[in-house]
Each structure stands twice: as C-alpha cells, then as structure tokens.
Amino acid sequence: MHTRLTWICHGPTSANREGRFPLNEPLEQSAVVETAALTERLRHADRSASSPTLAALQTAEILNLAATGDPRLADPDYGRWKGRSLADLQAKEPDALVQWMTDPQSAPHGGESLAKVQSRVTGWMEEQQSLDGHVIAIANAAVIRAAVLHVLNAPLASFWLTDIEPLAILRMSHDGRRWALRFGR
C-alpha cells in the first residue's frame, strides 16, 4: 500500500486577517483568484476530503474537488473564544491563553484541547493509510499542524512552532510502514 496525502490550508478569511478565532466565515473575495491558481500545482487525486467549514468547502469547490466535509478535519472547537481575537484574550484572559498554549491537554475556553484535535486527525490519517492512492485534504492550519506533529512523532508542546499560511500545500506519503513528509513541487 502506498498512500499520498496532500494537505491544503483553506484560503484566507476575515478571521485570518484579523487575528481571531474563526466563526465559520467564508473565503475573502480576494482569495478566489489566488485559490484558483493552485489548480495548476495539484496532481490527480483518487479522493478528496475537507473540513466541514465554509472556507474549506469553498476552497475545495474552487479547486474542482468533490470533497465531502469530514468532522475529523474540522477546525478545533474554540468554545467561548470563537470570534475573539488573540489580542483581546491576551488583555482579558492572559492566564487562560497561556495555559491553552502551553498545556496541550487543557481547554480553558470550554472547547477542544489540542490533544483531542490531534487524536481525531491521527484517526483520520490512520484510515487514509489503509487506502491506496492519492487523497487531497483541505483543512485549517491547526488541523494540518496536528498532522505534521503526528508524522514527525513530535510532542504536542511543539504545536506552535509550525506556521501554516492560507493556501499552503503540504505533502505526505505512507509506504505501508510509516508516514513521511514530502518536499518538492
């Protein structure tokens, strides 16, 4: 079995630009042309999947991918922090923000811990590794970070050491024994 997995971070939204936790916003208008330009860089996929968020599904549609929304690829549940900016949280809940960013098991916002996010992403990846062929997955940066840490067998404490920009493409492969990151065009 050989599985290739291409991750695409959904296009930019107002939450990205404003530095706040998403509410399920659509892509920004300017993202449509930028997203469409990615089609030249994508290889044929045997299947595709997407976060069920509006921005991810719109990204898939622009890329002509028949991706279905999979809840395991959903944005983290940010609980009561949805829609709030990091600057606001730093000013009003600095201890809770530090706790969340330093303890992957914590969820002071009442939502989902980073450990839970990684667990569901890892489960999805394990399902994919049993299938042959190429899959394209569209998700947000946090989901892709969790996938990277899984492949590298890195501790969740290193979650914040990876920057993933909107429309970033990251490739992975599974050779029947292990996942590996793939760098190239």
N, C-alpha and C. Protein backbone atom coordinates (compact mmCIF):
# COMPACT_ATOMS: atom_id res chain seq x y z
N MET A 1 0.83 -1.19 0.00
CA MET A 1 0.00 0.00 0.00
C MET A 1 0.88 1.25 0.00
N HIS A 2 0.52 2.18 -0.84
CA HIS A 2 1.20 3.47 -0.85
C HIS A 2 0.14 4.55 -0.93
N THR A 3 0.13 5.40 0.07
CA THR A 3 -0.85 6.49 0.13
C THR A 3 -0.12 7.81 0.07
N ARG A 4 -0.59 8.68 -0.79
CA ARG A 4 -0.08 10.05 -0.84
C ARG A 4 -1.18 10.95 -0.31
N LEU A 5 -0.80 11.87 0.54
CA LEU A 5 -1.75 12.80 1.16
C LEU A 5 -1.27 14.22 0.92
N THR A 6 -2.08 14.99 0.24
CA THR A 6 -1.78 16.40 0.01
C THR A 6 -2.72 17.23 0.87
N TRP A 7 -2.16 17.98 1.80
CA TRP A 7 -2.93 18.90 2.63
C TRP A 7 -2.92 20.28 1.98
N ILE A 8 -4.07 20.93 1.97
CA ILE A 8 -4.17 22.32 1.52
C ILE A 8 -4.86 23.10 2.64
N CYS A 9 -4.22 24.14 3.09
CA CYS A 9 -4.85 25.02 4.08
C CYS A 9 -5.87 25.88 3.33
N HIS A 10 -7.07 25.96 3.85
CA HIS A 10 -8.11 26.73 3.15
C HIS A 10 -7.65 28.16 2.92
N GLY A 11 -8.31 28.81 2.00
CA GLY A 11 -7.96 30.18 1.64
C GLY A 11 -8.22 31.16 2.78
N PRO A 12 -7.73 32.38 2.63
CA PRO A 12 -7.84 33.38 3.69
C PRO A 12 -9.28 33.81 3.97
N THR A 13 -9.51 34.06 5.25
CA THR A 13 -10.81 34.55 5.71
C THR A 13 -10.59 35.83 6.53
N SER A 14 -11.67 36.47 6.89
CA SER A 14 -11.53 37.66 7.72
C SER A 14 -10.92 37.31 9.08
N ALA A 15 -11.18 36.12 9.60
CA ALA A 15 -10.60 35.71 10.89
C ALA A 15 -9.08 35.63 10.79
N ASN A 16 -8.56 35.10 9.67
CA ASN A 16 -7.10 35.07 9.47
C ASN A 16 -6.53 36.49 9.52
N ARG A 17 -7.14 37.36 8.73
CA ARG A 17 -6.63 38.72 8.60
C ARG A 17 -6.70 39.50 9.91
N GLU A 18 -7.75 39.23 10.68
CA GLU A 18 -7.98 39.99 11.92
C GLU A 18 -7.37 39.33 13.15
N GLY A 19 -6.71 38.18 12.99
CA GLY A 19 -6.07 37.52 14.12
C GLY A 19 -7.04 37.07 15.19
N ARG A 20 -8.15 36.44 14.75
CA ARG A 20 -9.12 35.98 15.73
C ARG A 20 -9.53 34.53 15.43
N PHE A 21 -10.12 33.91 16.44
CA PHE A 21 -10.60 32.54 16.27
C PHE A 21 -11.81 32.55 15.34
N PRO A 22 -11.88 31.60 14.41
CA PRO A 22 -12.93 31.64 13.39
C PRO A 22 -14.32 31.32 13.92
N LEU A 23 -15.30 31.85 13.19
CA LEU A 23 -16.71 31.59 13.47
C LEU A 23 -17.34 30.72 12.38
N ASN A 24 -16.68 30.44 11.34
CA ASN A 24 -17.13 29.72 10.14
C ASN A 24 -17.39 30.72 9.02
N GLU A 25 -16.43 31.59 8.82
CA GLU A 25 -16.52 32.63 7.79
C GLU A 25 -16.27 32.05 6.40
N PRO A 26 -16.79 32.76 5.39
CA PRO A 26 -16.47 32.39 4.00
C PRO A 26 -15.07 32.89 3.65
N LEU A 27 -14.59 32.46 2.51
CA LEU A 27 -13.33 32.99 1.99
C LEU A 27 -13.49 34.48 1.70
N GLU A 28 -12.40 35.20 1.82
CA GLU A 28 -12.42 36.60 1.39
C GLU A 28 -12.51 36.63 -0.13
N GLN A 29 -13.10 37.67 -0.67
CA GLN A 29 -13.25 37.79 -2.14
C GLN A 29 -11.91 37.66 -2.86
N SER A 30 -10.89 38.27 -2.31
CA SER A 30 -9.58 38.23 -2.96
C SER A 30 -8.99 36.82 -3.01
N ALA A 31 -9.51 35.91 -2.21
CA ALA A 31 -8.97 34.56 -2.15
C ALA A 31 -9.38 33.70 -3.34
N VAL A 32 -10.43 34.07 -4.02
CA VAL A 32 -10.94 33.23 -5.10
C VAL A 32 -9.91 33.06 -6.22
N VAL A 33 -9.34 34.15 -6.68
CA VAL A 33 -8.35 34.09 -7.77
C VAL A 33 -7.10 33.37 -7.30
N GLU A 34 -6.66 33.69 -6.10
CA GLU A 34 -5.47 33.07 -5.53
C GLU A 34 -5.66 31.56 -5.37
N THR A 35 -6.83 31.15 -4.94
CA THR A 35 -7.13 29.73 -4.77
C THR A 35 -7.18 29.02 -6.12
N ALA A 36 -7.82 29.63 -7.09
CA ALA A 36 -7.92 29.02 -8.42
C ALA A 36 -6.56 28.78 -9.04
N ALA A 37 -5.59 29.62 -8.72
CA ALA A 37 -4.24 29.48 -9.27
C ALA A 37 -3.56 28.20 -8.78
N LEU A 38 -4.03 27.64 -7.69
CA LEU A 38 -3.43 26.40 -7.17
C LEU A 38 -3.72 25.18 -8.03
N THR A 39 -4.76 25.23 -8.84
CA THR A 39 -5.14 24.05 -9.60
C THR A 39 -4.00 23.52 -10.47
N GLU A 40 -3.16 24.41 -10.95
CA GLU A 40 -2.02 24.00 -11.79
C GLU A 40 -1.01 23.18 -11.00
N ARG A 41 -0.97 23.35 -9.69
CA ARG A 41 0.03 22.67 -8.86
C ARG A 41 -0.47 21.35 -8.28
N LEU A 42 -1.73 21.02 -8.52
CA LEU A 42 -2.30 19.80 -7.95
C LEU A 42 -2.27 18.65 -8.94
N ARG A 43 -1.94 17.49 -8.43
CA ARG A 43 -1.96 16.27 -9.24
C ARG A 43 -3.31 15.60 -9.05
N HIS A 44 -3.61 14.69 -9.93
CA HIS A 44 -4.87 13.94 -9.86
C HIS A 44 -5.02 13.30 -8.48
N ALA A 45 -6.20 13.39 -7.93
CA ALA A 45 -6.50 12.77 -6.63
C ALA A 45 -7.51 11.65 -6.84
N ASP A 46 -7.31 10.55 -6.15
CA ASP A 46 -8.27 9.45 -6.19
C ASP A 46 -9.49 9.76 -5.33
N ARG A 47 -9.29 10.60 -4.32
CA ARG A 47 -10.38 11.02 -3.45
C ARG A 47 -9.98 12.34 -2.78
N SER A 48 -10.97 13.01 -2.24
CA SER A 48 -10.69 14.26 -1.54
C SER A 48 -11.61 14.36 -0.33
N ALA A 49 -11.14 15.13 0.63
CA ALA A 49 -11.90 15.36 1.85
C ALA A 49 -11.67 16.80 2.28
N SER A 50 -12.54 17.27 3.14
CA SER A 50 -12.46 18.66 3.57
C SER A 50 -12.99 18.79 4.98
N SER A 51 -12.52 19.81 5.64
CA SER A 51 -13.18 20.25 6.86
C SER A 51 -14.59 20.66 6.46
N PRO A 52 -15.56 20.50 7.35
CA PRO A 52 -16.92 20.93 7.00
C PRO A 52 -17.13 22.44 7.08
N THR A 53 -16.08 23.21 7.36
CA THR A 53 -16.24 24.66 7.45
C THR A 53 -16.47 25.27 6.07
N LEU A 54 -17.12 26.40 6.06
CA LEU A 54 -17.45 27.08 4.82
C LEU A 54 -16.20 27.40 4.00
N ALA A 55 -15.15 27.94 4.62
CA ALA A 55 -13.94 28.31 3.89
C ALA A 55 -13.28 27.09 3.23
N ALA A 56 -13.24 25.97 3.93
CA ALA A 56 -12.63 24.77 3.37
C ALA A 56 -13.47 24.21 2.22
N LEU A 57 -14.78 24.18 2.38
CA LEU A 57 -15.65 23.68 1.31
C LEU A 57 -15.60 24.60 0.10
N GLN A 58 -15.52 25.92 0.31
CA GLN A 58 -15.38 26.85 -0.81
C GLN A 58 -14.04 26.64 -1.52
N THR A 59 -12.98 26.42 -0.75
CA THR A 59 -11.67 26.16 -1.34
C THR A 59 -11.74 24.92 -2.22
N ALA A 60 -12.36 23.85 -1.71
CA ALA A 60 -12.50 22.61 -2.49
C ALA A 60 -13.29 22.86 -3.78
N GLU A 61 -14.36 23.61 -3.68
CA GLU A 61 -15.18 23.89 -4.86
C GLU A 61 -14.39 24.66 -5.92
N ILE A 62 -13.64 25.67 -5.50
CA ILE A 62 -12.84 26.46 -6.45
C ILE A 62 -11.79 25.58 -7.12
N LEU A 63 -11.27 24.60 -6.37
CA LEU A 63 -10.25 23.69 -6.91
C LEU A 63 -10.86 22.51 -7.68
N ASN A 64 -12.17 22.54 -7.86
CA ASN A 64 -12.89 21.48 -8.57
C ASN A 64 -12.70 20.11 -7.93
N LEU A 65 -12.68 20.08 -6.62
CA LEU A 65 -12.58 18.83 -5.87
C LEU A 65 -13.95 18.49 -5.30
N ALA A 66 -14.35 17.26 -5.46
CA ALA A 66 -15.63 16.80 -4.92
C ALA A 66 -15.41 16.34 -3.49
N ALA A 67 -14.98 17.26 -2.65
CA ALA A 67 -14.65 16.93 -1.27
C ALA A 67 -15.90 16.97 -0.39
N THR A 68 -16.02 15.98 0.45
CA THR A 68 -17.10 15.97 1.41
C THR A 68 -16.56 16.47 2.75
N GLY A 69 -17.40 17.12 3.51
CA GLY A 69 -17.00 17.63 4.81
C GLY A 69 -16.89 16.51 5.83
N ASP A 70 -15.71 16.33 6.39
CA ASP A 70 -15.48 15.29 7.39
C ASP A 70 -15.25 15.97 8.73
N PRO A 71 -16.06 15.67 9.75
CA PRO A 71 -15.90 16.34 11.04
C PRO A 71 -14.53 16.10 11.69
N ARG A 72 -13.83 15.04 11.31
CA ARG A 72 -12.50 14.80 11.88
C ARG A 72 -11.48 15.82 11.36
N LEU A 73 -11.81 16.52 10.28
CA LEU A 73 -10.93 17.55 9.71
C LEU A 73 -11.42 18.95 10.07
N ALA A 74 -12.40 19.04 10.94
CA ALA A 74 -12.96 20.34 11.33
C ALA A 74 -11.96 21.17 12.10
N ASP A 75 -12.15 22.48 12.06
CA ASP A 75 -11.38 23.38 12.90
C ASP A 75 -11.55 22.93 14.35
N PRO A 76 -10.57 23.23 15.18
CA PRO A 76 -10.77 22.95 16.61
C PRO A 76 -12.01 23.68 17.13
N ASP A 77 -12.64 23.11 18.12
CA ASP A 77 -13.75 23.78 18.79
C ASP A 77 -13.12 24.75 19.79
N TYR A 78 -13.23 26.02 19.51
CA TYR A 78 -12.63 27.05 20.36
C TYR A 78 -13.56 27.50 21.49
N GLY A 79 -14.68 26.83 21.65
CA GLY A 79 -15.59 27.14 22.75
C GLY A 79 -15.99 28.60 22.78
N ARG A 80 -15.92 29.20 23.96
CA ARG A 80 -16.36 30.59 24.12
C ARG A 80 -15.39 31.59 23.50
N TRP A 81 -14.25 31.11 22.97
CA TRP A 81 -13.30 32.01 22.31
C TRP A 81 -13.62 32.23 20.84
N LYS A 82 -14.60 31.54 20.29
CA LYS A 82 -14.95 31.72 18.88
C LYS A 82 -15.22 33.19 18.59
N GLY A 83 -14.60 33.68 17.55
CA GLY A 83 -14.80 35.06 17.13
C GLY A 83 -13.95 36.08 17.86
N ARG A 84 -13.29 35.68 18.92
CA ARG A 84 -12.47 36.62 19.70
C ARG A 84 -11.05 36.68 19.16
N SER A 85 -10.43 37.83 19.32
CA SER A 85 -9.06 38.00 18.84
C SER A 85 -8.06 37.57 19.90
N LEU A 86 -6.88 37.22 19.45
CA LEU A 86 -5.80 36.88 20.38
C LEU A 86 -5.45 38.08 21.25
N ALA A 87 -5.47 39.27 20.67
CA ALA A 87 -5.17 40.49 21.44
C ALA A 87 -6.18 40.67 22.57
N ASP A 88 -7.45 40.43 22.29
CA ASP A 88 -8.49 40.54 23.30
C ASP A 88 -8.26 39.52 24.41
N LEU A 89 -7.95 38.29 24.04
CA LEU A 89 -7.70 37.25 25.05
C LEU A 89 -6.46 37.56 25.87
N GLN A 90 -5.43 38.09 25.22
CA GLN A 90 -4.21 38.45 25.94
C GLN A 90 -4.50 39.54 26.98
N ALA A 91 -5.40 40.44 26.66
CA ALA A 91 -5.74 41.52 27.58
C ALA A 91 -6.69 41.07 28.69
N LYS A 92 -7.66 40.19 28.34
CA LYS A 92 -8.71 39.85 29.31
C LYS A 92 -8.56 38.49 29.97
N GLU A 93 -7.87 37.56 29.32
CA GLU A 93 -7.71 36.21 29.87
C GLU A 93 -6.28 35.70 29.64
N PRO A 94 -5.28 36.47 30.05
CA PRO A 94 -3.91 36.06 29.73
C PRO A 94 -3.51 34.72 30.33
N ASP A 95 -3.94 34.42 31.54
CA ASP A 95 -3.56 33.14 32.16
C ASP A 95 -4.19 31.96 31.41
N ALA A 96 -5.45 32.10 31.03
CA ALA A 96 -6.13 31.03 30.29
C ALA A 96 -5.47 30.82 28.93
N LEU A 97 -5.09 31.90 28.26
CA LEU A 97 -4.44 31.78 26.96
C LEU A 97 -3.09 31.09 27.08
N VAL A 98 -2.30 31.47 28.08
CA VAL A 98 -1.00 30.82 28.31
C VAL A 98 -1.20 29.34 28.63
N GLN A 99 -2.19 29.03 29.45
CA GLN A 99 -2.46 27.64 29.80
C GLN A 99 -2.76 26.82 28.55
N TRP A 100 -3.63 27.35 27.69
CA TRP A 100 -4.01 26.64 26.47
C TRP A 100 -2.82 26.45 25.54
N MET A 101 -1.95 27.47 25.46
CA MET A 101 -0.82 27.39 24.54
C MET A 101 0.34 26.56 25.09
N THR A 102 0.36 26.28 26.38
CA THR A 102 1.47 25.52 26.96
C THR A 102 1.08 24.13 27.43
N ASP A 103 -0.20 23.87 27.62
CA ASP A 103 -0.67 22.56 28.08
C ASP A 103 -1.62 21.98 27.04
N PRO A 104 -1.14 21.05 26.19
CA PRO A 104 -1.98 20.51 25.12
C PRO A 104 -3.22 19.76 25.60
N GLN A 105 -3.27 19.41 26.87
CA GLN A 105 -4.44 18.70 27.41
C GLN A 105 -5.53 19.66 27.89
N SER A 106 -5.21 20.95 28.01
CA SER A 106 -6.16 21.89 28.59
C SER A 106 -7.09 22.50 27.54
N ALA A 107 -8.24 22.92 28.03
CA ALA A 107 -9.22 23.60 27.17
C ALA A 107 -9.94 24.65 28.02
N PRO A 108 -9.22 25.70 28.43
CA PRO A 108 -9.84 26.70 29.31
C PRO A 108 -10.99 27.46 28.66
N HIS A 109 -11.12 27.36 27.36
CA HIS A 109 -12.20 28.03 26.63
C HIS A 109 -13.48 27.21 26.60
N GLY A 110 -13.41 25.99 27.16
CA GLY A 110 -14.59 25.14 27.18
C GLY A 110 -14.79 24.38 25.88
N GLY A 111 -13.83 24.45 24.99
CA GLY A 111 -13.92 23.75 23.71
C GLY A 111 -13.05 22.50 23.72
N GLU A 112 -12.23 22.40 22.71
CA GLU A 112 -11.44 21.19 22.46
C GLU A 112 -9.97 21.44 22.76
N SER A 113 -9.33 20.51 23.43
CA SER A 113 -7.88 20.63 23.68
C SER A 113 -7.12 20.28 22.41
N LEU A 114 -5.87 20.72 22.34
CA LEU A 114 -5.03 20.38 21.20
C LEU A 114 -4.81 18.87 21.13
N ALA A 115 -4.75 18.20 22.26
CA ALA A 115 -4.59 16.75 22.29
C ALA A 115 -5.78 16.06 21.61
N LYS A 116 -6.99 16.57 21.85
CA LYS A 116 -8.17 15.99 21.20
C LYS A 116 -8.16 16.25 19.70
N VAL A 117 -7.72 17.43 19.31
CA VAL A 117 -7.62 17.73 17.88
C VAL A 117 -6.67 16.73 17.22
N GLN A 118 -5.49 16.56 17.81
CA GLN A 118 -4.54 15.63 17.21
C GLN A 118 -5.07 14.20 17.18
N SER A 119 -5.77 13.79 18.20
CA SER A 119 -6.32 12.44 18.24
C SER A 119 -7.27 12.19 17.07
N ARG A 120 -8.17 13.12 16.80
CA ARG A 120 -9.12 12.90 15.70
C ARG A 120 -8.44 13.00 14.34
N VAL A 121 -7.45 13.89 14.20
CA VAL A 121 -6.72 14.00 12.93
C VAL A 121 -5.91 12.72 12.69
N THR A 122 -5.26 12.22 13.73
CA THR A 122 -4.49 10.99 13.63
C THR A 122 -5.39 9.83 13.23
N GLY A 123 -6.58 9.75 13.81
CA GLY A 123 -7.52 8.70 13.43
C GLY A 123 -7.88 8.76 11.96
N TRP A 124 -8.11 9.97 11.46
CA TRP A 124 -8.43 10.14 10.04
C TRP A 124 -7.25 9.70 9.18
N MET A 125 -6.05 10.08 9.58
CA MET A 125 -4.86 9.71 8.81
C MET A 125 -4.64 8.19 8.81
N GLU A 126 -4.90 7.54 9.93
CA GLU A 126 -4.77 6.09 10.00
C GLU A 126 -5.74 5.41 9.05
N GLU A 127 -6.93 5.96 8.92
CA GLU A 127 -7.89 5.43 7.95
C GLU A 127 -7.35 5.60 6.52
N GLN A 128 -6.77 6.75 6.23
CA GLN A 128 -6.24 7.01 4.89
C GLN A 128 -5.07 6.10 4.55
N GLN A 129 -4.24 5.78 5.54
CA GLN A 129 -3.06 4.97 5.25
C GLN A 129 -3.42 3.55 4.84
N SER A 130 -4.63 3.11 5.14
CA SER A 130 -5.06 1.79 4.73
C SER A 130 -5.62 1.78 3.31
N LEU A 131 -5.73 2.95 2.71
CA LEU A 131 -6.25 3.07 1.35
C LEU A 131 -5.11 3.41 0.41
N ASP A 132 -5.13 2.85 -0.73
CA ASP A 132 -4.11 3.14 -1.72
C ASP A 132 -4.46 4.44 -2.45
N GLY A 133 -3.49 5.07 -3.07
CA GLY A 133 -3.76 6.21 -3.92
C GLY A 133 -3.49 7.55 -3.28
N HIS A 134 -4.02 8.57 -3.93
CA HIS A 134 -3.75 9.96 -3.56
C HIS A 134 -5.03 10.61 -3.04
N VAL A 135 -4.92 11.23 -1.87
CA VAL A 135 -6.03 11.96 -1.29
C VAL A 135 -5.60 13.41 -1.07
N ILE A 136 -6.50 14.33 -1.40
CA ILE A 136 -6.29 15.75 -1.10
C ILE A 136 -7.24 16.11 0.02
N ALA A 137 -6.70 16.74 1.06
CA ALA A 137 -7.49 17.14 2.22
C ALA A 137 -7.35 18.65 2.42
N ILE A 138 -8.49 19.31 2.60
CA ILE A 138 -8.49 20.75 2.82
C ILE A 138 -8.96 21.01 4.25
N ALA A 139 -8.14 21.72 4.99
CA ALA A 139 -8.43 21.98 6.41
C ALA A 139 -7.80 23.29 6.83
N ASN A 140 -7.94 23.63 8.10
CA ASN A 140 -7.31 24.85 8.60
C ASN A 140 -5.91 24.53 9.13
N ALA A 141 -5.18 25.55 9.49
CA ALA A 141 -3.79 25.39 9.90
C ALA A 141 -3.63 24.50 11.12
N ALA A 142 -4.53 24.59 12.09
CA ALA A 142 -4.40 23.79 13.31
C ALA A 142 -4.48 22.30 13.02
N VAL A 143 -5.37 21.91 12.13
CA VAL A 143 -5.51 20.50 11.76
C VAL A 143 -4.25 20.02 11.05
N ILE A 144 -3.72 20.84 10.16
CA ILE A 144 -2.50 20.46 9.43
C ILE A 144 -1.31 20.40 10.38
N ARG A 145 -1.23 21.32 11.32
CA ARG A 145 -0.17 21.25 12.34
C ARG A 145 -0.23 19.92 13.10
N ALA A 146 -1.43 19.53 13.49
CA ALA A 146 -1.59 18.26 14.22
C ALA A 146 -1.11 17.09 13.38
N ALA A 147 -1.38 17.13 12.07
CA ALA A 147 -0.92 16.07 11.18
C ALA A 147 0.61 16.05 11.09
N VAL A 148 1.22 17.22 11.00
CA VAL A 148 2.68 17.31 10.93
C VAL A 148 3.31 16.72 12.20
N LEU A 149 2.78 17.08 13.35
CA LEU A 149 3.33 16.56 14.60
C LEU A 149 3.18 15.04 14.67
N HIS A 150 2.07 14.52 14.16
CA HIS A 150 1.87 13.07 14.13
C HIS A 150 2.94 12.40 13.27
N VAL A 151 3.17 12.93 12.09
CA VAL A 151 4.16 12.35 11.18
C VAL A 151 5.56 12.40 11.77
N LEU A 152 5.89 13.51 12.40
CA LEU A 152 7.23 13.67 12.99
C LEU A 152 7.35 13.01 14.36
N ASN A 153 6.24 12.50 14.88
CA ASN A 153 6.22 11.94 16.23
C ASN A 153 6.75 12.98 17.22
N ALA A 154 6.38 14.22 16.98
CA ALA A 154 6.84 15.34 17.81
C ALA A 154 5.86 15.57 18.96
N PRO A 155 6.34 16.08 20.06
CA PRO A 155 5.44 16.35 21.18
C PRO A 155 4.46 17.48 20.85
N LEU A 156 3.28 17.40 21.41
CA LEU A 156 2.29 18.45 21.19
C LEU A 156 2.74 19.81 21.68
N ALA A 157 3.71 19.82 22.58
CA ALA A 157 4.24 21.10 23.06
C ALA A 157 4.87 21.90 21.92
N SER A 158 5.20 21.25 20.82
CA SER A 158 5.80 21.94 19.68
C SER A 158 4.76 22.40 18.65
N PHE A 159 3.48 22.31 19.00
CA PHE A 159 2.38 22.68 18.11
C PHE A 159 2.55 24.09 17.52
N TRP A 160 2.98 25.02 18.33
CA TRP A 160 3.05 26.43 17.90
C TRP A 160 4.32 26.76 17.13
N LEU A 161 5.17 25.78 16.87
CA LEU A 161 6.43 26.03 16.17
C LEU A 161 6.30 25.89 14.65
N THR A 162 5.11 25.61 14.17
CA THR A 162 4.87 25.45 12.74
C THR A 162 3.88 26.50 12.27
N ASP A 163 4.29 27.33 11.33
CA ASP A 163 3.39 28.31 10.73
C ASP A 163 2.86 27.75 9.41
N ILE A 164 1.57 27.80 9.25
CA ILE A 164 0.94 27.32 8.02
C ILE A 164 0.04 28.44 7.52
N GLU A 165 0.41 28.99 6.39
CA GLU A 165 -0.31 30.11 5.80
C GLU A 165 -1.55 29.63 5.03
N PRO A 166 -2.54 30.49 4.85
CA PRO A 166 -3.66 30.13 3.99
C PRO A 166 -3.15 29.74 2.60
N LEU A 167 -3.73 28.68 2.07
CA LEU A 167 -3.42 28.10 0.77
C LEU A 167 -2.06 27.40 0.71
N ALA A 168 -1.45 27.17 1.86
CA ALA A 168 -0.21 26.39 1.88
C ALA A 168 -0.53 24.95 1.46
N ILE A 169 0.43 24.33 0.78
CA ILE A 169 0.30 22.93 0.37
C ILE A 169 1.40 22.13 1.06
N LEU A 170 1.01 21.04 1.67
CA LEU A 170 1.95 20.17 2.34
C LEU A 170 1.67 18.74 1.91
N ARG A 171 2.72 18.02 1.55
CA ARG A 171 2.54 16.65 1.06
C ARG A 171 3.14 15.64 2.03
N MET A 172 2.45 14.51 2.15
CA MET A 172 2.91 13.41 2.98
C MET A 172 2.71 12.12 2.19
N SER A 173 3.43 11.09 2.59
CA SER A 173 3.21 9.78 1.97
C SER A 173 3.32 8.70 3.04
N HIS A 174 2.64 7.61 2.78
CA HIS A 174 2.70 6.45 3.68
C HIS A 174 3.06 5.24 2.83
N ASP A 175 4.13 4.55 3.21
CA ASP A 175 4.63 3.42 2.42
C ASP A 175 4.19 2.07 2.96
N GLY A 176 3.21 2.04 3.83
CA GLY A 176 2.77 0.80 4.42
C GLY A 176 3.36 0.58 5.81
N ARG A 177 4.39 1.36 6.14
CA ARG A 177 5.02 1.24 7.46
C ARG A 177 4.94 2.54 8.25
N ARG A 178 5.13 3.67 7.56
CA ARG A 178 5.20 4.95 8.28
C ARG A 178 4.84 6.09 7.34
N TRP A 179 4.46 7.21 7.97
CA TRP A 179 4.23 8.44 7.24
C TRP A 179 5.55 9.19 7.09
N ALA A 180 5.68 9.96 6.02
CA ALA A 180 6.85 10.82 5.82
C ALA A 180 6.38 12.12 5.18
N LEU A 181 7.04 13.22 5.53
CA LEU A 181 6.79 14.49 4.84
C LEU A 181 7.48 14.45 3.50
N ARG A 182 6.86 15.08 2.51
CA ARG A 182 7.43 15.12 1.16
C ARG A 182 7.62 16.59 0.78
N PHE A 183 8.83 16.92 0.39
CA PHE A 183 9.12 18.29 -0.03
C PHE A 183 9.37 18.28 -1.53
N GLY A 184 8.90 19.27 -2.21
CA GLY A 184 9.07 19.37 -3.65
C GLY A 184 7.98 20.23 -4.24
N ARG A 185 7.80 20.11 -5.53
CA ARG A 185 6.79 20.91 -6.21
C ARG A 185 5.50 20.19 -6.32
